[in-house]
PDB file of N, CA and C in Angstrom:
ATOM      1  N   MET A   1       2.108   6.435  16.674  1.00  0.00           N
ATOM      2  CA  MET A   1       0.968   6.617  15.803  1.00  0.00           C
ATOM      3  C   MET A   1       1.090   5.624  14.650  1.00  0.00           C
ATOM      4  N   GLY A   2       0.032   5.427  13.954  1.00  0.00           N
ATOM      5  CA  GLY A   2      -0.036   4.563  12.790  1.00  0.00           C
ATOM      6  C   GLY A   2      -1.383   4.769  12.147  1.00  0.00           C
ATOM      7  N   ALA A   3      -1.706   3.942  11.202  1.00  0.00           N
ATOM      8  CA  ALA A   3      -3.010   4.038  10.551  1.00  0.00           C
ATOM      9  C   ALA A   3      -3.235   2.798   9.713  1.00  0.00           C
ATOM     10  N   SER A   4      -4.268   2.835   8.902  1.00  0.00           N
ATOM     11  CA  SER A   4      -4.670   1.665   8.135  1.00  0.00           C
ATOM     12  C   SER A   4      -4.177   1.714   6.699  1.00  0.00           C
ATOM     13  N   ILE A   5      -3.940   0.524   6.177  1.00  0.00           N
ATOM     14  CA  ILE A   5      -3.742   0.346   4.752  1.00  0.00           C
ATOM     15  C   ILE A   5      -4.999  -0.365   4.272  1.00  0.00           C
ATOM     16  N   ILE A   6      -5.689   0.236   3.324  1.00  0.00           N
ATOM     17  CA  ILE A   6      -6.934  -0.316   2.817  1.00  0.00           C
ATOM     18  C   ILE A   6      -6.649  -0.956   1.462  1.00  0.00           C
ATOM     19  N   PHE A   7      -7.021  -2.226   1.326  1.00  0.00           N
ATOM     20  CA  PHE A   7      -6.670  -2.967   0.125  1.00  0.00           C
ATOM     21  C   PHE A   7      -7.821  -3.109  -0.853  1.00  0.00           C
ATOM     22  N   SER A   8      -9.008  -3.412  -0.365  1.00  0.00           N
ATOM     23  CA  SER A   8     -10.122  -3.604  -1.288  1.00  0.00           C
ATOM     24  C   SER A   8     -11.439  -3.318  -0.597  1.00  0.00           C
ATOM     25  N   ARG A   9     -12.483  -3.203  -1.410  1.00  0.00           N
ATOM     26  CA  ARG A   9     -13.810  -2.878  -0.911  1.00  0.00           C
ATOM     27  C   ARG A   9     -14.813  -3.841  -1.541  1.00  0.00           C
ATOM     28  N   ASP A  10     -15.771  -4.291  -0.741  1.00  0.00           N
ATOM     29  CA  ASP A  10     -16.829  -5.165  -1.234  1.00  0.00           C
ATOM     30  C   ASP A  10     -18.165  -4.485  -0.961  1.00  0.00           C
ATOM     31  N   ASP A  11     -18.737  -3.880  -1.993  1.00  0.00           N
ATOM     32  CA  ASP A  11     -19.988  -3.138  -1.832  1.00  0.00           C
ATOM     33  C   ASP A  11     -21.203  -4.040  -1.671  1.00  0.00           C
ATOM     34  N   SER A  12     -21.048  -5.344  -1.833  1.00  0.00           N
ATOM     35  CA  SER A  12     -22.179  -6.242  -1.639  1.00  0.00           C
ATOM     36  C   SER A  12     -22.451  -6.494  -0.154  1.00  0.00           C
ATOM     37  N   ILE A  13     -21.523  -6.115   0.694  1.00  0.00           N
ATOM     38  CA  ILE A  13     -21.682  -6.290   2.135  1.00  0.00           C
ATOM     39  C   ILE A  13     -22.402  -5.072   2.696  1.00  0.00           C
ATOM     40  N   GLU A  14     -23.368  -5.308   3.553  1.00  0.00           N
ATOM     41  CA  GLU A  14     -24.185  -4.211   4.072  1.00  0.00           C
ATOM     42  C   GLU A  14     -23.496  -3.403   5.164  1.00  0.00           C
ATOM     43  N   LYS A  15     -22.872  -4.049   6.115  1.00  0.00           N
ATOM     44  CA  LYS A  15     -22.271  -3.330   7.244  1.00  0.00           C
ATOM     45  C   LYS A  15     -21.006  -2.605   6.789  1.00  0.00           C
ATOM     46  N   ILE A  16     -20.951  -1.314   7.030  1.00  0.00           N
ATOM     47  CA  ILE A  16     -19.828  -0.489   6.575  1.00  0.00           C
ATOM     48  C   ILE A  16     -18.496  -0.994   7.132  1.00  0.00           C
ATOM     49  N   GLU A  17     -18.478  -1.450   8.359  1.00  0.00           N
ATOM     50  CA  GLU A  17     -17.227  -1.892   8.968  1.00  0.00           C
ATOM     51  C   GLU A  17     -16.692  -3.182   8.342  1.00  0.00           C
ATOM     52  N   ASP A  18     -17.547  -3.910   7.597  1.00  0.00           N
ATOM     53  CA  ASP A  18     -17.119  -5.138   6.938  1.00  0.00           C
ATOM     54  C   ASP A  18     -16.817  -4.946   5.450  1.00  0.00           C
ATOM     55  N   LYS A  19     -17.093  -3.773   4.906  1.00  0.00           N
ATOM     56  CA  LYS A  19     -16.925  -3.521   3.471  1.00  0.00           C
ATOM     57  C   LYS A  19     -15.467  -3.521   3.018  1.00  0.00           C
ATOM     58  N   PHE A  20     -14.571  -3.123   3.895  1.00  0.00           N
ATOM     59  CA  PHE A  20     -13.180  -2.920   3.505  1.00  0.00           C
ATOM     60  C   PHE A  20     -12.266  -3.985   4.087  1.00  0.00           C
ATOM     61  N   LYS A  21     -11.322  -4.457   3.270  1.00  0.00           N
ATOM     62  CA  LYS A  21     -10.253  -5.309   3.762  1.00  0.00           C
ATOM     63  C   LYS A  21      -9.098  -4.358   4.056  1.00  0.00           C
ATOM     64  N   SER A  22      -8.728  -4.302   5.313  1.00  0.00           N
ATOM     65  CA  SER A  22      -7.659  -3.384   5.694  1.00  0.00           C
ATOM     66  C   SER A  22      -6.919  -3.945   6.902  1.00  0.00           C
ATOM     67  N   THR A  23      -5.807  -3.321   7.208  1.00  0.00           N
ATOM     68  CA  THR A  23      -5.042  -3.701   8.375  1.00  0.00           C
ATOM     69  C   THR A  23      -4.387  -2.464   8.969  1.00  0.00           C
ATOM     70  N   TYR A  24      -4.128  -2.525  10.243  1.00  0.00           N
ATOM     71  CA  TYR A  24      -3.515  -1.417  10.966  1.00  0.00           C
ATOM     72  C   TYR A  24      -2.005  -1.624  11.003  1.00  0.00           C
ATOM     73  N   VAL A  25      -1.265  -0.561  10.759  1.00  0.00           N
ATOM     74  CA  VAL A  25       0.194  -0.593  10.847  1.00  0.00           C
ATOM     75  C   VAL A  25       0.609   0.433  11.880  1.00  0.00           C
ATOM     76  N   ASN A  26       1.448   0.023  12.795  1.00  0.00           N
ATOM     77  CA  ASN A  26       1.801   0.869  13.922  1.00  0.00           C
ATOM     78  C   ASN A  26       3.090   1.673  13.685  1.00  0.00           C
ATOM     79  N   GLY A  27       3.095   2.865  14.227  1.00  0.00           N
ATOM     80  CA  GLY A  27       4.252   3.723  14.412  1.00  0.00           C
ATOM     81  C   GLY A  27       5.248   3.858  13.303  1.00  0.00           C
ATOM     82  N   SER A  28       6.483   3.528  13.617  1.00  0.00           N
ATOM     83  CA  SER A  28       7.592   3.727  12.694  1.00  0.00           C
ATOM     84  C   SER A  28       7.436   2.904  11.423  1.00  0.00           C
ATOM     85  N   TYR A  29       6.831   1.744  11.536  1.00  0.00           N
ATOM     86  CA  TYR A  29       6.615   0.921  10.349  1.00  0.00           C
ATOM     87  C   TYR A  29       5.687   1.625   9.364  1.00  0.00           C
ATOM     88  N   TRP A  30       4.681   2.309   9.901  1.00  0.00           N
ATOM     89  CA  TRP A  30       3.760   3.108   9.073  1.00  0.00           C
ATOM     90  C   TRP A  30       4.541   4.180   8.322  1.00  0.00           C
ATOM     91  N   ASP A  31       5.399   4.907   9.040  1.00  0.00           N
ATOM     92  CA  ASP A  31       6.187   5.976   8.428  1.00  0.00           C
ATOM     93  C   ASP A  31       7.168   5.430   7.391  1.00  0.00           C
ATOM     94  N   ALA A  32       7.798   4.303   7.705  1.00  0.00           N
ATOM     95  CA  ALA A  32       8.748   3.696   6.765  1.00  0.00           C
ATOM     96  C   ALA A  32       8.039   3.272   5.484  1.00  0.00           C
ATOM     97  N   PHE A  33       6.848   2.691   5.609  1.00  0.00           N
ATOM     98  CA  PHE A  33       6.101   2.279   4.424  1.00  0.00           C
ATOM     99  C   PHE A  33       5.678   3.504   3.609  1.00  0.00           C
ATOM    100  N   GLY A  34       5.301   4.571   4.276  1.00  0.00           N
ATOM    101  CA  GLY A  34       4.972   5.817   3.575  1.00  0.00           C
ATOM    102  C   GLY A  34       6.151   6.350   2.786  1.00  0.00           C
ATOM    103  N   ASP A  35       7.343   6.270   3.372  1.00  0.00           N
ATOM    104  CA  ASP A  35       8.548   6.696   2.660  1.00  0.00           C
ATOM    105  C   ASP A  35       8.817   5.803   1.443  1.00  0.00           C
ATOM    106  N   LEU A  36       8.545   4.513   1.587  1.00  0.00           N
ATOM    107  CA  LEU A  36       8.692   3.598   0.455  1.00  0.00           C
ATOM    108  C   LEU A  36       7.750   4.003  -0.676  1.00  0.00           C
ATOM    109  N   LEU A  37       6.498   4.280  -0.343  1.00  0.00           N
ATOM    110  CA  LEU A  37       5.536   4.707  -1.362  1.00  0.00           C
ATOM    111  C   LEU A  37       5.985   5.994  -2.035  1.00  0.00           C
ATOM    112  N   ASP A  38       6.523   6.926  -1.261  1.00  0.00           N
ATOM    113  CA  ASP A  38       7.042   8.172  -1.838  1.00  0.00           C
ATOM    114  C   ASP A  38       8.177   7.888  -2.820  1.00  0.00           C
ATOM    115  N   ALA A  39       9.111   7.029  -2.409  1.00  0.00           N
ATOM    116  CA  ALA A  39      10.270   6.728  -3.249  1.00  0.00           C
ATOM    117  C   ALA A  39       9.863   6.018  -4.545  1.00  0.00           C
ATOM    118  N   VAL A  40       8.885   5.145  -4.451  1.00  0.00           N
ATOM    119  CA  VAL A  40       8.448   4.379  -5.622  1.00  0.00           C
ATOM    120  C   VAL A  40       7.657   5.245  -6.601  1.00  0.00           C
ATOM    121  N   PHE A  41       6.730   6.048  -6.079  1.00  0.00           N
ATOM    122  CA  PHE A  41       5.765   6.704  -6.956  1.00  0.00           C
ATOM    123  C   PHE A  41       6.018   8.180  -7.267  1.00  0.00           C
ATOM    124  N   LEU A  42       6.548   8.933  -6.339  1.00  0.00           N
ATOM    125  CA  LEU A  42       6.657  10.380  -6.574  1.00  0.00           C
ATOM    126  C   LEU A  42       7.497  10.769  -7.784  1.00  0.00           C
ATOM    127  N   PRO A  43       8.662  10.151  -8.008  1.00  0.00           N
ATOM    128  CA  PRO A  43       9.479  10.618  -9.133  1.00  0.00           C
ATOM    129  C   PRO A  43       8.804  10.486 -10.505  1.00  0.00           C
ATOM    130  N   ASP A  44       8.176   9.354 -10.779  1.00  0.00           N
ATOM    131  CA  ASP A  44       7.664   9.108 -12.133  1.00  0.00           C
ATOM    132  C   ASP A  44       6.178   8.781 -12.218  1.00  0.00           C
ATOM    133  N   TYR A  45       5.547   8.542 -11.083  1.00  0.00           N
ATOM    134  CA  TYR A  45       4.140   8.128 -11.075  1.00  0.00           C
ATOM    135  C   TYR A  45       3.343   8.913 -10.024  1.00  0.00           C
ATOM    136  N   PRO A  46       3.346  10.234 -10.121  1.00  0.00           N
ATOM    137  CA  PRO A  46       2.662  11.034  -9.097  1.00  0.00           C
ATOM    138  C   PRO A  46       1.156  10.785  -9.047  1.00  0.00           C
ATOM    139  N   GLN A  47       0.561  10.394 -10.175  1.00  0.00           N
ATOM    140  CA  GLN A  47      -0.877  10.125 -10.181  1.00  0.00           C
ATOM    141  C   GLN A  47      -1.193   8.886  -9.340  1.00  0.00           C
ATOM    142  N   LEU A  48      -0.360   7.864  -9.398  1.00  0.00           N
ATOM    143  CA  LEU A  48      -0.560   6.686  -8.554  1.00  0.00           C
ATOM    144  C   LEU A  48      -0.319   7.029  -7.092  1.00  0.00           C
ATOM    145  N   HIS A  49       0.672   7.852  -6.850  1.00  0.00           N
ATOM    146  CA  HIS A  49       0.966   8.301  -5.485  1.00  0.00           C
ATOM    147  C   HIS A  49      -0.243   9.001  -4.883  1.00  0.00           C
ATOM    148  N   GLU A  50      -0.859   9.861  -5.646  1.00  0.00           N
ATOM    149  CA  GLU A  50      -2.015  10.623  -5.162  1.00  0.00           C
ATOM    150  C   GLU A  50      -3.194   9.705  -4.819  1.00  0.00           C
ATOM    151  N   ILE A  51      -3.358   8.642  -5.590  1.00  0.00           N
ATOM    152  CA  ILE A  51      -4.451   7.704  -5.336  1.00  0.00           C
ATOM    153  C   ILE A  51      -4.161   6.857  -4.091  1.00  0.00           C
ATOM    154  N   ILE A  52      -2.942   6.322  -4.000  1.00  0.00           N
ATOM    155  CA  ILE A  52      -2.590   5.411  -2.910  1.00  0.00           C
ATOM    156  C   ILE A  52      -2.336   6.160  -1.611  1.00  0.00           C
ATOM    157  N   LYS A  53      -1.683   7.290  -1.700  1.00  0.00           N
ATOM    158  CA  LYS A  53      -1.282   8.027  -0.506  1.00  0.00           C
ATOM    159  C   LYS A  53      -1.832   9.454  -0.594  1.00  0.00           C
ATOM    160  N   PRO A  54      -3.150   9.578  -0.444  1.00  0.00           N
ATOM    161  CA  PRO A  54      -3.746  10.913  -0.546  1.00  0.00           C
ATOM    162  C   PRO A  54      -3.310  11.799   0.613  1.00  0.00           C
ATOM    163  N   GLU A  55      -3.562  13.078   0.481  1.00  0.00           N
ATOM    164  CA  GLU A  55      -3.262  13.986   1.586  1.00  0.00           C
ATOM    165  C   GLU A  55      -3.957  13.472   2.836  1.00  0.00           C
ATOM    166  N   GLU A  56      -3.193  13.297   3.878  1.00  0.00           N
ATOM    167  CA  GLU A  56      -3.727  12.729   5.107  1.00  0.00           C
ATOM    168  C   GLU A  56      -4.324  13.816   5.980  1.00  0.00           C
ATOM    169  N   GLY A  57      -5.446  13.508   6.562  1.00  0.00           N
ATOM    170  CA  GLY A  57      -6.040  14.417   7.526  1.00  0.00           C
ATOM    171  C   GLY A  57      -5.409  14.220   8.890  1.00  0.00           C
ATOM    172  N   GLU A  58      -5.789  15.033   9.832  1.00  0.00           N
ATOM    173  CA  GLU A  58      -5.223  14.947  11.166  1.00  0.00           C
ATOM    174  C   GLU A  58      -5.656  13.674  11.883  1.00  0.00           C
ATOM    175  N   TYR A  59      -6.886  13.242  11.651  1.00  0.00           N
ATOM    176  CA  TYR A  59      -7.414  12.091  12.382  1.00  0.00           C
ATOM    177  C   TYR A  59      -7.594  10.850  11.534  1.00  0.00           C
ATOM    178  N   LEU A  60      -7.697  10.999  10.247  1.00  0.00           N
ATOM    179  CA  LEU A  60      -7.914   9.868   9.357  1.00  0.00           C
ATOM    180  C   LEU A  60      -6.681   9.683   8.486  1.00  0.00           C
ATOM    181  N   LYS A  61      -5.866   8.718   8.829  1.00  0.00           N
ATOM    182  CA  LYS A  61      -4.633   8.475   8.097  1.00  0.00           C
ATOM    183  C   LYS A  61      -4.713   7.088   7.477  1.00  0.00           C
ATOM    184  N   PHE A  62      -4.469   7.027   6.174  1.00  0.00           N
ATOM    185  CA  PHE A  62      -4.552   5.748   5.487  1.00  0.00           C
ATOM    186  C   PHE A  62      -3.780   5.789   4.183  1.00  0.00           C
ATOM    187  N   TYR A  63      -3.398   4.602   3.730  1.00  0.00           N
ATOM    188  CA  TYR A  63      -2.910   4.388   2.382  1.00  0.00           C
ATOM    189  C   TYR A  63      -3.924   3.439   1.768  1.00  0.00           C
ATOM    190  N   SER A  64      -4.320   3.673   0.535  1.00  0.00           N
ATOM    191  CA  SER A  64      -5.410   2.883  -0.025  1.00  0.00           C
ATOM    192  C   SER A  64      -5.134   2.426  -1.455  1.00  0.00           C
ATOM    193  N   PHE A  65      -5.384   1.146  -1.687  1.00  0.00           N
ATOM    194  CA  PHE A  65      -5.290   0.567  -3.018  1.00  0.00           C
ATOM    195  C   PHE A  65      -6.683   0.389  -3.626  1.00  0.00           C
ATOM    196  N   VAL A  66      -7.716   0.842  -2.928  1.00  0.00           N
ATOM    197  CA  VAL A  66      -9.108   0.626  -3.321  1.00  0.00           C
ATOM    198  C   VAL A  66      -9.463   1.290  -4.644  1.00  0.00           C
ATOM    199  N   GLU A  67      -9.044   2.509  -4.860  1.00  0.00           N
ATOM    200  CA  GLU A  67      -9.469   3.277  -6.033  1.00  0.00           C
ATOM    201  C   GLU A  67      -8.674   2.966  -7.301  1.00  0.00           C
ATOM    202  N   LEU A  68      -7.700   2.083  -7.208  1.00  0.00           N
ATOM    203  CA  LEU A  68      -6.914   1.721  -8.387  1.00  0.00           C
ATOM    204  C   LEU A  68      -7.704   0.762  -9.261  1.00  0.00           C
ATOM    205  N   ASP A  69      -7.694   1.009 -10.578  1.00  0.00           N
ATOM    206  CA  ASP A  69      -8.301   0.018 -11.464  1.00  0.00           C
ATOM    207  C   ASP A  69      -7.319  -1.151 -11.591  1.00  0.00           C
ATOM    208  N   LYS A  70      -7.700  -2.181 -12.315  1.00  0.00           N
ATOM    209  CA  LYS A  70      -6.891  -3.397 -12.407  1.00  0.00           C
ATOM    210  C   LYS A  70      -5.491  -3.108 -12.945  1.00  0.00           C
ATOM    211  N   GLU A  71      -5.407  -2.296 -13.989  1.00  0.00           N
ATOM    212  CA  GLU A  71      -4.111  -1.973 -14.582  1.00  0.00           C
ATOM    213  C   GLU A  71      -3.233  -1.184 -13.594  1.00  0.00           C
ATOM    214  N   GLN A  72      -3.796  -0.176 -12.966  1.00  0.00           N
ATOM    215  CA  GLN A  72      -3.052   0.631 -11.992  1.00  0.00           C
ATOM    216  C   GLN A  72      -2.622  -0.214 -10.789  1.00  0.00           C
ATOM    217  N   PHE A  73      -3.515  -1.084 -10.343  1.00  0.00           N
ATOM    218  CA  PHE A  73      -3.231  -1.953  -9.207  1.00  0.00           C
ATOM    219  C   PHE A  73      -2.011  -2.819  -9.500  1.00  0.00           C
ATOM    220  N   ASN A  74      -2.025  -3.497 -10.633  1.00  0.00           N
ATOM    221  CA  ASN A  74      -0.923  -4.386 -10.985  1.00  0.00           C
ATOM    222  C   ASN A  74       0.359  -3.629 -11.308  1.00  0.00           C
ATOM    223  N   GLN A  75       0.247  -2.465 -11.907  1.00  0.00           N
ATOM    224  CA  GLN A  75       1.423  -1.635 -12.144  1.00  0.00           C
ATOM    225  C   GLN A  75       2.038  -1.215 -10.812  1.00  0.00           C
ATOM    226  N   SER A  76       1.210  -0.829  -9.865  1.00  0.00           N
ATOM    227  CA  SER A  76       1.698  -0.414  -8.547  1.00  0.00           C
ATOM    228  C   SER A  76       2.407  -1.556  -7.833  1.00  0.00           C
ATOM    229  N   VAL A  77       1.813  -2.730  -7.872  1.00  0.00           N
ATOM    230  CA  VAL A  77       2.430  -3.903  -7.248  1.00  0.00           C
ATOM    231  C   VAL A  77       3.791  -4.170  -7.880  1.00  0.00           C
ATOM    232  N   LYS A  78       3.855  -4.143  -9.187  1.00  0.00           N
ATOM    233  CA  LYS A  78       5.123  -4.389  -9.886  1.00  0.00           C
ATOM    234  C   LYS A  78       6.171  -3.332  -9.531  1.00  0.00           C
ATOM    235  N   LEU A  79       5.770  -2.075  -9.514  1.00  0.00           N
ATOM    236  CA  LEU A  79       6.721  -1.010  -9.186  1.00  0.00           C
ATOM    237  C   LEU A  79       7.273  -1.169  -7.769  1.00  0.00           C
ATOM    238  N   ILE A  80       6.421  -1.498  -6.828  1.00  0.00           N
ATOM    239  CA  ILE A  80       6.873  -1.687  -5.445  1.00  0.00           C
ATOM    240  C   ILE A  80       7.797  -2.891  -5.353  1.00  0.00           C
ATOM    241  N   ARG A  81       7.414  -4.000  -5.940  1.00  0.00           N
ATOM    242  CA  ARG A  81       8.260  -5.206  -5.902  1.00  0.00           C
ATOM    243  C   ARG A  81       9.620  -4.945  -6.559  1.00  0.00           C
ATOM    244  N   ASP A  82       9.612  -4.279  -7.716  1.00  0.00           N
ATOM    245  CA  ASP A  82      10.872  -3.978  -8.409  1.00  0.00           C
ATOM    246  C   ASP A  82      11.765  -3.081  -7.567  1.00  0.00           C
ATOM    247  N   TYR A  83      11.166  -2.076  -6.942  1.00  0.00           N
ATOM    248  CA  TYR A  83      11.937  -1.149  -6.108  1.00  0.00           C
ATOM    249  C   TYR A  83      12.585  -1.896  -4.940  1.00  0.00           C
ATOM    250  N   ILE A  84      11.820  -2.740  -4.287  1.00  0.00           N
ATOM    251  CA  ILE A  84      12.357  -3.508  -3.153  1.00  0.00           C
ATOM    252  C   ILE A  84      13.465  -4.454  -3.621  1.00  0.00           C
ATOM    253  N   ALA A  85      13.267  -5.099  -4.752  1.00  0.00           N
ATOM    254  CA  ALA A  85      14.263  -6.045  -5.276  1.00  0.00           C
ATOM    255  C   ALA A  85      15.591  -5.366  -5.588  1.00  0.00           C
ATOM    256  N   LYS A  86      15.550  -4.089  -5.936  1.00  0.00           N
ATOM    257  CA  LYS A  86      16.773  -3.356  -6.283  1.00  0.00           C
ATOM    258  C   LYS A  86      17.542  -2.851  -5.058  1.00  0.00           C
ATOM    259  N   GLN A  87      16.962  -2.966  -3.881  1.00  0.00           N
ATOM    260  CA  GLN A  87      17.634  -2.511  -2.661  1.00  0.00           C
ATOM    261  C   GLN A  87      18.638  -3.580  -2.220  1.00  0.00           C
ATOM    262  N   LYS A  88      19.889  -3.428  -2.614  1.00  0.00           N
ATOM    263  CA  LYS A  88      20.917  -4.435  -2.335  1.00  0.00           C
ATOM    264  C   LYS A  88      21.353  -4.442  -0.873  1.00  0.00           C
ATOM    265  N   GLU A  89      21.507  -3.289  -0.280  1.00  0.00           N
ATOM    266  CA  GLU A  89      21.864  -3.189   1.138  1.00  0.00           C
ATOM    267  C   GLU A  89      20.903  -2.210   1.802  1.00  0.00           C
ATOM    268  N   PRO A  90      19.662  -2.661   2.046  1.00  0.00           N
ATOM    269  CA  PRO A  90      18.665  -1.741   2.601  1.00  0.00           C
ATOM    270  C   PRO A  90      19.024  -1.279   4.012  1.00  0.00           C
ATOM    271  N   THR A  91      18.671  -0.044   4.288  1.00  0.00           N
ATOM    272  CA  THR A  91      18.852   0.500   5.632  1.00  0.00           C
ATOM    273  C   THR A  91      17.825  -0.147   6.568  1.00  0.00           C
ATOM    274  N   GLU A  92      17.969   0.080   7.856  1.00  0.00           N
ATOM    275  CA  GLU A  92      16.982  -0.448   8.809  1.00  0.00           C
ATOM    276  C   GLU A  92      15.591   0.099   8.501  1.00  0.00           C
ATOM    277  N   TRP A  93      15.528   1.370   8.120  1.00  0.00           N
ATOM    278  CA  TRP A  93      14.250   2.007   7.770  1.00  0.00           C
ATOM    279  C   TRP A  93      13.619   1.311   6.558  1.00  0.00           C
ATOM    280  N   GLN A  94      14.433   1.038   5.552  1.00  0.00           N
ATOM    281  CA  GLN A  94      13.938   0.352   4.357  1.00  0.00           C
ATOM    282  C   GLN A  94      13.513  -1.078   4.685  1.00  0.00           C
ATOM    283  N   LYS A  95      14.227  -1.717   5.595  1.00  0.00           N
ATOM    284  CA  LYS A  95      13.838  -3.068   6.022  1.00  0.00           C
ATOM    285  C   LYS A  95      12.479  -3.047   6.713  1.00  0.00           C
ATOM    286  N   MET A  96      12.209  -2.004   7.476  1.00  0.00           N
ATOM    287  CA  MET A  96      10.907  -1.883   8.136  1.00  0.00           C
ATOM    288  C   MET A  96       9.797  -1.756   7.091  1.00  0.00           C
ATOM    289  N   ALA A  97      10.050  -0.967   6.059  1.00  0.00           N
ATOM    290  CA  ALA A  97       9.067  -0.826   4.975  1.00  0.00           C
ATOM    291  C   ALA A  97       8.865  -2.154   4.261  1.00  0.00           C
ATOM    292  N   GLN A  98       9.939  -2.904   4.077  1.00  0.00           N
ATOM    293  CA  GLN A  98       9.843  -4.210   3.439  1.00  0.00           C
ATOM    294  C   GLN A  98       9.006  -5.175   4.278  1.00  0.00           C
ATOM    295  N   VAL A  99       9.138  -5.107   5.585  1.00  0.00           N
ATOM    296  CA  VAL A  99       8.327  -5.947   6.469  1.00  0.00           C
ATOM    297  C   VAL A  99       6.845  -5.645   6.254  1.00  0.00           C
ATOM    298  N   VAL A 100       6.505  -4.363   6.183  1.00  0.00           N
ATOM    299  CA  VAL A 100       5.102  -3.989   5.959  1.00  0.00           C
ATOM    300  C   VAL A 100       4.629  -4.544   4.631  1.00  0.00           C
ATOM    301  N   TRP A 101       5.422  -4.382   3.584  1.00  0.00           N
ATOM    302  CA  TRP A 101       5.006  -4.869   2.270  1.00  0.00           C
ATOM    303  C   TRP A 101       4.918  -6.398   2.250  1.00  0.00           C
ATOM    304  N   ASN A 102       5.983  -7.061   2.678  1.00  0.00           N
ATOM    305  CA  ASN A 102       6.053  -8.519   2.555  1.00  0.00           C
ATOM    306  C   ASN A 102       5.127  -9.262   3.509  1.00  0.00           C
ATOM    307  N   GLU A 103       5.015  -8.792   4.733  1.00  0.00           N
ATOM    308  CA  GLU A 103       4.270  -9.539   5.741  1.00  0.00           C
ATOM    309  C   GLU A 103       2.846  -9.039   5.952  1.00  0.00           C
ATOM    310  N   ILE A 104       2.590  -7.790   5.609  1.00  0.00           N
ATOM    311  CA  ILE A 104       1.252  -7.242   5.839  1.00  0.00           C
ATOM    312  C   ILE A 104       0.509  -7.019   4.532  1.00  0.00           C
ATOM    313  N   ALA A 105       1.128  -6.326   3.581  1.00  0.00           N
ATOM    314  CA  ALA A 105       0.424  -5.967   2.340  1.00  0.00           C
ATOM    315  C   ALA A 105       0.299  -7.137   1.366  1.00  0.00           C
ATOM    316  N   GLU A 106       1.390  -7.845   1.098  1.00  0.00           N
ATOM    317  CA  GLU A 106       1.377  -8.915   0.090  1.00  0.00           C
ATOM    318  C   GLU A 106       0.254  -9.933   0.294  1.00  0.00           C
ATOM    319  N   PRO A 107       0.009 -10.426   1.492  1.00  0.00           N
ATOM    320  CA  PRO A 107      -1.083 -11.401   1.641  1.00  0.00           C
ATOM    321  C   PRO A 107      -2.447 -10.872   1.181  1.00  0.00           C
ATOM    322  N   TYR A 108      -2.696  -9.590   1.370  1.00  0.00           N
ATOM    323  CA  TYR A 108      -3.932  -8.988   0.877  1.00  0.00           C
ATOM    324  C   TYR A 108      -3.878  -8.780  -0.637  1.00  0.00           C
ATOM    325  N   ILE A 109      -2.732  -8.353  -1.111  1.00  0.00           N
ATOM    326  CA  ILE A 109      -2.563  -8.033  -2.527  1.00  0.00           C
ATOM    327  C   ILE A 109      -2.846  -9.254  -3.399  1.00  0.00           C
ATOM    328  N   VAL A 110      -2.246 -10.385  -3.064  1.00  0.00           N
ATOM    329  CA  VAL A 110      -2.373 -11.563  -3.918  1.00  0.00           C
ATOM    330  C   VAL A 110      -3.781 -12.169  -3.874  1.00  0.00           C
ATOM    331  N   LYS A 111      -4.577 -11.812  -2.888  1.00  0.00           N
ATOM    332  CA  LYS A 111      -5.959 -12.299  -2.798  1.00  0.00           C
ATOM    333  C   LYS A 111      -6.957 -11.363  -3.477  1.00  0.00           C
ATOM    334  N   ASP A 112      -6.503 -10.189  -3.875  1.00  0.00           N
ATOM    335  CA  ASP A 112      -7.381  -9.206  -4.503  1.00  0.00           C
ATOM    336  C   ASP A 112      -7.776  -9.676  -5.893  1.00  0.00           C
ATOM    337  N   GLU A 113      -9.039  -9.494  -6.249  1.00  0.00           N
ATOM    338  CA  GLU A 113      -9.528  -9.938  -7.561  1.00  0.00           C
ATOM    339  C   GLU A 113      -8.852  -9.220  -8.726  1.00  0.00           C
ATOM    340  N   ARG A 114      -8.271  -8.059  -8.476  1.00  0.00           N
ATOM    341  CA  ARG A 114      -7.579  -7.312  -9.538  1.00  0.00           C
ATOM    342  C   ARG A 114      -6.186  -7.858  -9.805  1.00  0.00           C
ATOM    343  N   TYR A 115      -5.646  -8.621  -8.876  1.00  0.00           N
ATOM    344  CA  TYR A 115      -4.266  -9.088  -8.957  1.00  0.00           C
ATOM    345  C   TYR A 115      -4.080 -10.078 -10.112  1.00  0.00           C
ATOM    346  N   GLN A 116      -2.998  -9.849 -10.862  1.00  0.00           N
ATOM    347  CA  GLN A 116      -2.608 -10.753 -11.939  1.00  0.00           C
ATOM    348  C   GLN A 116      -1.169 -11.182 -11.712  1.00  0.00           C
ATOM    349  N   LEU A 117      -0.914 -12.453 -11.859  1.00  0.00           N
ATOM    350  CA  LEU A 117       0.471 -12.932 -11.810  1.00  0.00           C
ATOM    351  C   LEU A 117       1.213 -12.347 -12.995  1.00  0.00           C
ATOM    352  N   THR A 118       2.422 -11.881 -12.752  1.00  0.00           N
ATOM    353  CA  THR A 118       3.215 -11.318 -13.852  1.00  0.00           C
ATOM    354  C   THR A 118       4.454 -12.117 -14.101  1.00  0.00           C
TER     355      THR A 118
END
């Protein structure tokens, strides 16, 4: 199983299927990335966790950066990057989450209009 990570929305586009920039993440990588989000946000930033990783339904599973304002978006990016940078000897599971962030999420993140270089 897996699901989508939704990065941004463009309401100027008419077709609903084209409004969102998103990508599909498969199986264990999806679960590993979810665990990364839990580790980054749950202890000190539960409000960001709730926005990015809302309660998942049985059929609609997603992580979304769409509802974050510019400040929240950039704070979230920084928190995730800092957390990954501190992993000196990551487990295989953590490496899978890093693959999702580095190879799948980052290319979308840096193209988002809310993104600011820090």
